[in-house]
Amino acid sequence: MNTADQYLKTIYLVQRIEDGPAATGALADQLDISPASVNEMVGKLQDRGLVEHEKYRGATLTDEGETRARDALQTYCILERFLANVLEVEEFRTEARQLESVIDETVAERLDTIIDREPQCPDCFRADADMCAYLVEEGEAD
């Protein structure tokens, strides 16, 4: 996953939380970067046809942008569940965020076979809680 995919994933999640366009400030908060950096990248994503940005309203994913965002979120979910449920890494979210930018599709697919991902992924990701719903269920089952 590359930086553009991380932005697309974040826009997707913020749109779900806000039930509308993703405001630049909200994206900056989620990504822990400056609003100016967000504006720059959103402009690049718009040039690529992945995002529509309306000043003072925010960013909205195009159909292609949403497809890429859902793929990126699915990869993140795979990493998060593998780290938390298989390796039992305590700081799994931090580790997943660091790994998501360097993991390739082949590795994600192989990890996916280990975690036995649910078919509704990535819709199982709770944007408001910033975690997969199945982490809670599996954690409570222990």
N, C-alpha and C. Protein backbone atom coordinates (compact mmCIF):
# COMPACT_ATOMS: atom_id res chain seq x y z
N MET A 1 0.85 -1.17 0.00
CA MET A 1 0.00 0.00 0.00
C MET A 1 0.90 1.23 0.00
N ASN A 2 0.56 2.20 -0.80
CA ASN A 2 1.35 3.42 -0.85
C ASN A 2 0.66 4.56 -0.11
N THR A 3 1.31 5.70 -0.08
CA THR A 3 0.78 6.85 0.65
C THR A 3 -0.58 7.27 0.11
N ALA A 4 -0.75 7.25 -1.20
CA ALA A 4 -2.04 7.61 -1.78
C ALA A 4 -3.13 6.70 -1.25
N ASP A 5 -2.84 5.41 -1.15
CA ASP A 5 -3.84 4.47 -0.64
C ASP A 5 -4.17 4.74 0.83
N GLN A 6 -3.17 5.16 1.60
CA GLN A 6 -3.44 5.50 3.00
C GLN A 6 -4.38 6.70 3.09
N TYR A 7 -4.17 7.68 2.23
CA TYR A 7 -5.07 8.83 2.20
C TYR A 7 -6.47 8.39 1.79
N LEU A 8 -6.56 7.58 0.75
CA LEU A 8 -7.88 7.12 0.29
C LEU A 8 -8.61 6.37 1.39
N LYS A 9 -7.88 5.51 2.10
CA LYS A 9 -8.48 4.76 3.20
C LYS A 9 -8.99 5.72 4.28
N THR A 10 -8.20 6.73 4.59
CA THR A 10 -8.59 7.68 5.62
C THR A 10 -9.80 8.50 5.18
N ILE A 11 -9.82 8.93 3.93
CA ILE A 11 -10.98 9.67 3.41
C ILE A 11 -12.22 8.80 3.51
N TYR A 12 -12.09 7.54 3.13
CA TYR A 12 -13.20 6.60 3.19
C TYR A 12 -13.75 6.50 4.62
N LEU A 13 -12.87 6.35 5.59
CA LEU A 13 -13.30 6.20 6.98
C LEU A 13 -13.91 7.49 7.52
N VAL A 14 -13.31 8.63 7.21
CA VAL A 14 -13.85 9.91 7.69
C VAL A 14 -15.21 10.17 7.05
N GLN A 15 -15.38 9.82 5.77
CA GLN A 15 -16.69 9.96 5.14
C GLN A 15 -17.73 9.12 5.88
N ARG A 16 -17.35 7.94 6.33
CA ARG A 16 -18.30 7.08 7.07
C ARG A 16 -18.64 7.70 8.42
N ILE A 17 -17.63 8.24 9.10
CA ILE A 17 -17.87 8.85 10.41
C ILE A 17 -18.75 10.09 10.27
N GLU A 18 -18.42 10.94 9.30
CA GLU A 18 -19.13 12.21 9.14
C GLU A 18 -20.38 12.10 8.28
N ASP A 19 -20.58 10.94 7.67
CA ASP A 19 -21.72 10.72 6.79
C ASP A 19 -21.81 11.81 5.72
N GLY A 20 -20.66 12.08 5.13
CA GLY A 20 -20.56 13.10 4.09
C GLY A 20 -19.11 13.32 3.72
N PRO A 21 -18.83 14.42 3.03
CA PRO A 21 -17.45 14.68 2.62
C PRO A 21 -16.49 14.74 3.81
N ALA A 22 -15.25 14.34 3.56
CA ALA A 22 -14.21 14.33 4.59
C ALA A 22 -13.53 15.70 4.63
N ALA A 23 -13.72 16.40 5.72
CA ALA A 23 -13.11 17.72 5.89
C ALA A 23 -11.60 17.60 6.01
N THR A 24 -10.90 18.58 5.49
CA THR A 24 -9.44 18.59 5.52
C THR A 24 -8.92 18.49 6.95
N GLY A 25 -9.53 19.22 7.86
CA GLY A 25 -9.10 19.19 9.26
C GLY A 25 -9.25 17.81 9.88
N ALA A 26 -10.35 17.15 9.57
CA ALA A 26 -10.56 15.79 10.09
C ALA A 26 -9.52 14.82 9.53
N LEU A 27 -9.20 14.98 8.25
CA LEU A 27 -8.18 14.13 7.63
C LEU A 27 -6.82 14.39 8.26
N ALA A 28 -6.50 15.66 8.48
CA ALA A 28 -5.22 16.01 9.10
C ALA A 28 -5.12 15.40 10.50
N ASP A 29 -6.21 15.45 11.25
CA ASP A 29 -6.22 14.86 12.59
C ASP A 29 -6.01 13.36 12.53
N GLN A 30 -6.71 12.68 11.63
CA GLN A 30 -6.61 11.23 11.51
C GLN A 30 -5.21 10.79 11.07
N LEU A 31 -4.62 11.55 10.17
CA LEU A 31 -3.32 11.20 9.62
C LEU A 31 -2.16 11.78 10.45
N ASP A 32 -2.48 12.66 11.38
CA ASP A 32 -1.50 13.33 12.24
C ASP A 32 -0.47 14.10 11.40
N ILE A 33 -1.00 14.87 10.45
CA ILE A 33 -0.16 15.72 9.61
C ILE A 33 -0.84 17.08 9.47
N SER A 34 -0.17 18.02 8.82
CA SER A 34 -0.72 19.37 8.69
C SER A 34 -1.84 19.42 7.65
N PRO A 35 -2.79 20.32 7.85
CA PRO A 35 -3.84 20.50 6.84
C PRO A 35 -3.28 20.88 5.47
N ALA A 36 -2.16 21.61 5.44
CA ALA A 36 -1.55 21.97 4.16
C ALA A 36 -1.09 20.73 3.40
N SER A 37 -0.52 19.77 4.12
CA SER A 37 -0.09 18.51 3.48
C SER A 37 -1.29 17.74 2.95
N VAL A 38 -2.37 17.75 3.72
CA VAL A 38 -3.59 17.08 3.28
C VAL A 38 -4.11 17.73 2.00
N ASN A 39 -4.17 19.06 1.98
CA ASN A 39 -4.65 19.77 0.79
C ASN A 39 -3.82 19.43 -0.44
N GLU A 40 -2.52 19.35 -0.25
CA GLU A 40 -1.63 19.03 -1.36
C GLU A 40 -1.93 17.63 -1.92
N MET A 41 -2.04 16.66 -1.04
CA MET A 41 -2.28 15.29 -1.49
C MET A 41 -3.69 15.13 -2.05
N VAL A 42 -4.66 15.77 -1.45
CA VAL A 42 -6.03 15.70 -1.98
C VAL A 42 -6.06 16.27 -3.40
N GLY A 43 -5.30 17.32 -3.64
CA GLY A 43 -5.21 17.88 -4.99
C GLY A 43 -4.62 16.88 -5.98
N LYS A 44 -3.60 16.16 -5.55
CA LYS A 44 -2.99 15.14 -6.41
C LYS A 44 -3.97 14.00 -6.68
N LEU A 45 -4.70 13.60 -5.64
CA LEU A 45 -5.68 12.53 -5.81
C LEU A 45 -6.82 12.96 -6.72
N GLN A 46 -7.18 14.24 -6.64
CA GLN A 46 -8.22 14.77 -7.53
C GLN A 46 -7.72 14.76 -8.97
N ASP A 47 -6.46 15.13 -9.16
CA ASP A 47 -5.89 15.12 -10.52
C ASP A 47 -5.89 13.71 -11.12
N ARG A 48 -5.78 12.71 -10.27
CA ARG A 48 -5.79 11.31 -10.73
C ARG A 48 -7.20 10.74 -10.88
N GLY A 49 -8.20 11.54 -10.54
CA GLY A 49 -9.58 11.09 -10.68
C GLY A 49 -10.05 10.18 -9.56
N LEU A 50 -9.37 10.23 -8.41
CA LEU A 50 -9.73 9.35 -7.28
C LEU A 50 -10.58 10.05 -6.24
N VAL A 51 -10.53 11.38 -6.25
CA VAL A 51 -11.22 12.19 -5.24
C VAL A 51 -11.84 13.41 -5.92
N GLU A 52 -12.98 13.81 -5.41
CA GLU A 52 -13.56 15.10 -5.78
C GLU A 52 -13.47 15.98 -4.55
N HIS A 53 -12.90 17.16 -4.72
CA HIS A 53 -12.72 18.05 -3.58
C HIS A 53 -13.44 19.37 -3.82
N GLU A 54 -14.25 19.72 -2.87
CA GLU A 54 -14.97 20.99 -2.94
C GLU A 54 -14.52 21.83 -1.76
N LYS A 55 -13.97 23.00 -2.07
CA LYS A 55 -13.44 23.88 -1.03
C LYS A 55 -14.51 24.16 0.04
N TYR A 56 -14.11 24.09 1.29
CA TYR A 56 -14.95 24.31 2.46
C TYR A 56 -15.96 23.20 2.73
N ARG A 57 -16.03 22.20 1.88
CA ARG A 57 -16.92 21.06 2.13
C ARG A 57 -16.12 19.80 2.44
N GLY A 58 -15.09 19.55 1.65
CA GLY A 58 -14.25 18.39 1.90
C GLY A 58 -14.08 17.51 0.68
N ALA A 59 -13.50 16.35 0.93
CA ALA A 59 -13.17 15.40 -0.14
C ALA A 59 -14.16 14.25 -0.15
N THR A 60 -14.51 13.84 -1.35
CA THR A 60 -15.39 12.69 -1.57
C THR A 60 -14.71 11.77 -2.57
N LEU A 61 -14.72 10.49 -2.28
CA LEU A 61 -14.09 9.52 -3.17
C LEU A 61 -14.92 9.30 -4.43
N THR A 62 -14.23 9.16 -5.55
CA THR A 62 -14.90 8.73 -6.77
C THR A 62 -15.09 7.20 -6.66
N ASP A 63 -15.77 6.61 -7.62
CA ASP A 63 -15.96 5.16 -7.59
C ASP A 63 -14.61 4.43 -7.58
N GLU A 64 -13.68 4.88 -8.42
CA GLU A 64 -12.35 4.25 -8.45
C GLU A 64 -11.60 4.48 -7.13
N GLY A 65 -11.74 5.68 -6.59
CA GLY A 65 -11.11 5.98 -5.31
C GLY A 65 -11.66 5.13 -4.19
N GLU A 66 -12.97 4.90 -4.21
CA GLU A 66 -13.59 4.07 -3.18
C GLU A 66 -13.13 2.61 -3.29
N THR A 67 -13.00 2.12 -4.49
CA THR A 67 -12.51 0.75 -4.68
C THR A 67 -11.11 0.60 -4.11
N ARG A 68 -10.24 1.55 -4.42
CA ARG A 68 -8.87 1.50 -3.89
C ARG A 68 -8.86 1.66 -2.37
N ALA A 69 -9.73 2.52 -1.86
CA ALA A 69 -9.80 2.73 -0.41
C ALA A 69 -10.25 1.46 0.31
N ARG A 70 -11.24 0.78 -0.24
CA ARG A 70 -11.74 -0.45 0.38
C ARG A 70 -10.66 -1.54 0.33
N ASP A 71 -9.90 -1.61 -0.75
CA ASP A 71 -8.79 -2.56 -0.83
C ASP A 71 -7.73 -2.24 0.22
N ALA A 72 -7.42 -0.96 0.39
CA ALA A 72 -6.44 -0.53 1.38
C ALA A 72 -6.93 -0.84 2.79
N LEU A 73 -8.20 -0.60 3.05
CA LEU A 73 -8.76 -0.89 4.37
C LEU A 73 -8.76 -2.39 4.64
N GLN A 74 -9.04 -3.17 3.63
CA GLN A 74 -9.02 -4.62 3.79
C GLN A 74 -7.61 -5.09 4.17
N THR A 75 -6.60 -4.55 3.51
CA THR A 75 -5.21 -4.90 3.84
C THR A 75 -4.90 -4.50 5.28
N TYR A 76 -5.33 -3.32 5.67
CA TYR A 76 -5.11 -2.87 7.05
C TYR A 76 -5.80 -3.80 8.04
N CYS A 77 -7.02 -4.18 7.75
CA CYS A 77 -7.76 -5.09 8.62
C CYS A 77 -7.04 -6.44 8.76
N ILE A 78 -6.54 -6.93 7.65
CA ILE A 78 -5.79 -8.20 7.68
C ILE A 78 -4.59 -8.06 8.60
N LEU A 79 -3.84 -6.98 8.44
CA LEU A 79 -2.67 -6.75 9.30
C LEU A 79 -3.07 -6.64 10.76
N GLU A 80 -4.09 -5.84 11.02
CA GLU A 80 -4.53 -5.62 12.39
C GLU A 80 -4.96 -6.93 13.06
N ARG A 81 -5.75 -7.70 12.37
CA ARG A 81 -6.23 -8.96 12.95
C ARG A 81 -5.10 -9.97 13.09
N PHE A 82 -4.18 -10.02 12.14
CA PHE A 82 -3.04 -10.93 12.24
C PHE A 82 -2.18 -10.57 13.45
N LEU A 83 -1.85 -9.30 13.58
CA LEU A 83 -1.01 -8.87 14.69
C LEU A 83 -1.69 -9.07 16.05
N ALA A 84 -2.97 -8.75 16.13
CA ALA A 84 -3.68 -8.84 17.40
C ALA A 84 -4.06 -10.27 17.76
N ASN A 85 -4.61 -11.00 16.81
CA ASN A 85 -5.19 -12.30 17.13
C ASN A 85 -4.25 -13.48 16.95
N VAL A 86 -3.28 -13.36 16.06
CA VAL A 86 -2.36 -14.47 15.82
C VAL A 86 -1.06 -14.25 16.60
N LEU A 87 -0.46 -13.08 16.41
CA LEU A 87 0.82 -12.82 17.08
C LEU A 87 0.65 -12.24 18.49
N GLU A 88 -0.57 -11.79 18.81
CA GLU A 88 -0.89 -11.19 20.10
C GLU A 88 0.02 -10.01 20.43
N VAL A 89 0.24 -9.16 19.42
CA VAL A 89 1.04 -7.95 19.60
C VAL A 89 0.19 -6.94 20.35
N GLU A 90 0.72 -6.44 21.45
CA GLU A 90 -0.04 -5.53 22.30
C GLU A 90 -0.35 -4.20 21.58
N GLU A 91 0.63 -3.64 20.90
CA GLU A 91 0.45 -2.38 20.19
C GLU A 91 0.14 -2.65 18.72
N PHE A 92 -0.85 -3.49 18.47
CA PHE A 92 -1.14 -3.95 17.10
C PHE A 92 -1.54 -2.82 16.17
N ARG A 93 -2.25 -1.80 16.66
CA ARG A 93 -2.65 -0.70 15.78
C ARG A 93 -1.44 0.08 15.29
N THR A 94 -0.53 0.38 16.19
CA THR A 94 0.68 1.11 15.81
C THR A 94 1.48 0.30 14.79
N GLU A 95 1.64 -0.98 15.06
CA GLU A 95 2.38 -1.85 14.15
C GLU A 95 1.68 -1.96 12.79
N ALA A 96 0.36 -2.10 12.80
CA ALA A 96 -0.39 -2.22 11.55
C ALA A 96 -0.24 -0.96 10.71
N ARG A 97 -0.28 0.20 11.36
CA ARG A 97 -0.13 1.47 10.63
C ARG A 97 1.26 1.60 10.02
N GLN A 98 2.27 1.10 10.73
CA GLN A 98 3.62 1.17 10.19
C GLN A 98 3.81 0.19 9.04
N LEU A 99 3.19 -0.96 9.13
CA LEU A 99 3.37 -1.99 8.11
C LEU A 99 2.52 -1.77 6.87
N GLU A 100 1.38 -1.08 7.01
CA GLU A 100 0.46 -0.98 5.87
C GLU A 100 1.06 -0.30 4.66
N SER A 101 2.04 0.57 4.87
CA SER A 101 2.62 1.27 3.72
C SER A 101 3.67 0.44 2.99
N VAL A 102 4.12 -0.66 3.59
CA VAL A 102 5.18 -1.45 2.95
C VAL A 102 4.75 -2.86 2.56
N ILE A 103 3.59 -3.28 2.99
CA ILE A 103 3.14 -4.63 2.68
C ILE A 103 2.60 -4.69 1.26
N ASP A 104 2.88 -5.77 0.57
CA ASP A 104 2.35 -5.90 -0.79
C ASP A 104 1.16 -6.85 -0.80
N GLU A 105 0.51 -6.91 -1.94
CA GLU A 105 -0.72 -7.69 -2.08
C GLU A 105 -0.50 -9.18 -1.80
N THR A 106 0.64 -9.71 -2.22
CA THR A 106 0.93 -11.13 -2.02
C THR A 106 1.02 -11.48 -0.54
N VAL A 107 1.73 -10.64 0.22
CA VAL A 107 1.86 -10.89 1.66
C VAL A 107 0.49 -10.76 2.33
N ALA A 108 -0.27 -9.76 1.95
CA ALA A 108 -1.61 -9.58 2.53
C ALA A 108 -2.48 -10.80 2.27
N GLU A 109 -2.42 -11.33 1.06
CA GLU A 109 -3.22 -12.52 0.73
C GLU A 109 -2.79 -13.73 1.56
N ARG A 110 -1.50 -13.87 1.80
CA ARG A 110 -1.02 -15.01 2.60
C ARG A 110 -1.42 -14.85 4.06
N LEU A 111 -1.33 -13.64 4.59
CA LEU A 111 -1.78 -13.41 5.96
C LEU A 111 -3.28 -13.64 6.08
N ASP A 112 -3.99 -13.28 5.03
CA ASP A 112 -5.44 -13.46 5.00
C ASP A 112 -5.83 -14.92 5.20
N THR A 113 -5.06 -15.83 4.64
CA THR A 113 -5.38 -17.25 4.80
C THR A 113 -5.19 -17.70 6.24
N ILE A 114 -4.33 -17.03 6.97
CA ILE A 114 -4.07 -17.39 8.37
C ILE A 114 -5.18 -16.89 9.29
N ILE A 115 -5.69 -15.70 9.02
CA ILE A 115 -6.67 -15.11 9.95
C ILE A 115 -8.10 -15.55 9.67
N ASP A 116 -8.33 -16.19 8.54
CA ASP A 116 -9.68 -16.64 8.19
C ASP A 116 -10.65 -15.46 8.20
N ARG A 117 -10.34 -14.47 7.37
CA ARG A 117 -11.11 -13.23 7.32
C ARG A 117 -12.57 -13.47 6.97
N GLU A 118 -13.41 -12.69 7.57
CA GLU A 118 -14.84 -12.75 7.30
C GLU A 118 -15.14 -12.17 5.92
N PRO A 119 -16.15 -12.68 5.22
CA PRO A 119 -16.46 -12.20 3.87
C PRO A 119 -16.95 -10.75 3.83
N GLN A 120 -17.45 -10.24 4.93
CA GLN A 120 -17.95 -8.87 4.92
C GLN A 120 -16.85 -7.82 5.11
N CYS A 121 -15.61 -8.25 5.24
CA CYS A 121 -14.49 -7.32 5.36
C CYS A 121 -14.33 -6.58 4.03
N PRO A 122 -14.15 -5.28 4.03
CA PRO A 122 -13.81 -4.41 5.14
C PRO A 122 -15.01 -3.70 5.77
N ASP A 123 -16.23 -4.10 5.44
CA ASP A 123 -17.40 -3.45 6.04
C ASP A 123 -17.50 -3.71 7.54
N CYS A 124 -16.74 -4.70 8.03
CA CYS A 124 -16.73 -5.00 9.46
C CYS A 124 -15.90 -3.97 10.24
N PHE A 125 -15.16 -3.10 9.54
CA PHE A 125 -14.32 -2.12 10.22
C PHE A 125 -15.20 -1.01 10.77
N ARG A 126 -15.10 -0.78 12.07
CA ARG A 126 -15.89 0.26 12.73
C ARG A 126 -15.07 1.54 12.72
N ALA A 127 -15.41 2.45 11.84
CA ALA A 127 -14.65 3.69 11.67
C ALA A 127 -14.63 4.51 12.96
N ASP A 128 -15.75 4.56 13.67
CA ASP A 128 -15.83 5.35 14.89
C ASP A 128 -14.92 4.82 15.99
N ALA A 129 -14.70 3.51 16.03
CA ALA A 129 -13.83 2.90 17.03
C ALA A 129 -12.42 2.65 16.49
N ASP A 130 -12.22 2.88 15.20
CA ASP A 130 -10.94 2.66 14.53
C ASP A 130 -10.44 1.23 14.73
N MET A 131 -11.34 0.27 14.53
CA MET A 131 -10.95 -1.13 14.67
C MET A 131 -11.96 -2.06 14.01
N CYS A 132 -11.49 -3.23 13.69
CA CYS A 132 -12.35 -4.26 13.12
C CYS A 132 -13.30 -4.76 14.20
N ALA A 133 -14.53 -4.93 13.85
CA ALA A 133 -15.52 -5.42 14.81
C ALA A 133 -15.17 -6.82 15.31
N TYR A 134 -14.47 -7.60 14.49
CA TYR A 134 -14.13 -8.96 14.88
C TYR A 134 -13.00 -9.04 15.89
N LEU A 135 -12.25 -7.96 16.07
CA LEU A 135 -11.25 -7.93 17.13
C LEU A 135 -11.95 -7.99 18.47
N VAL A 136 -13.04 -7.27 18.61
CA VAL A 136 -13.79 -7.24 19.86
C VAL A 136 -14.35 -8.63 20.15
N GLU A 137 -14.99 -9.24 19.15
CA GLU A 137 -15.60 -10.56 19.35
C GLU A 137 -14.57 -11.60 19.72
N GLU A 138 -13.45 -11.60 19.00
CA GLU A 138 -12.43 -12.60 19.26
C GLU A 138 -11.77 -12.35 20.61
N GLY A 139 -11.57 -11.06 20.95
CA GLY A 139 -10.97 -10.73 22.24
C GLY A 139 -11.88 -11.09 23.39
N GLU A 140 -13.19 -10.93 23.22
CA GLU A 140 -14.14 -11.27 24.27
C GLU A 140 -14.30 -12.78 24.41
N ALA A 141 -14.03 -13.51 23.34
CA ALA A 141 -14.20 -14.95 23.37
C ALA A 141 -13.10 -15.64 24.17
N ASP A 142 -11.96 -14.94 24.37
CA ASP A 142 -10.86 -15.55 25.12
C ASP A 142 -11.14 -15.65 26.59
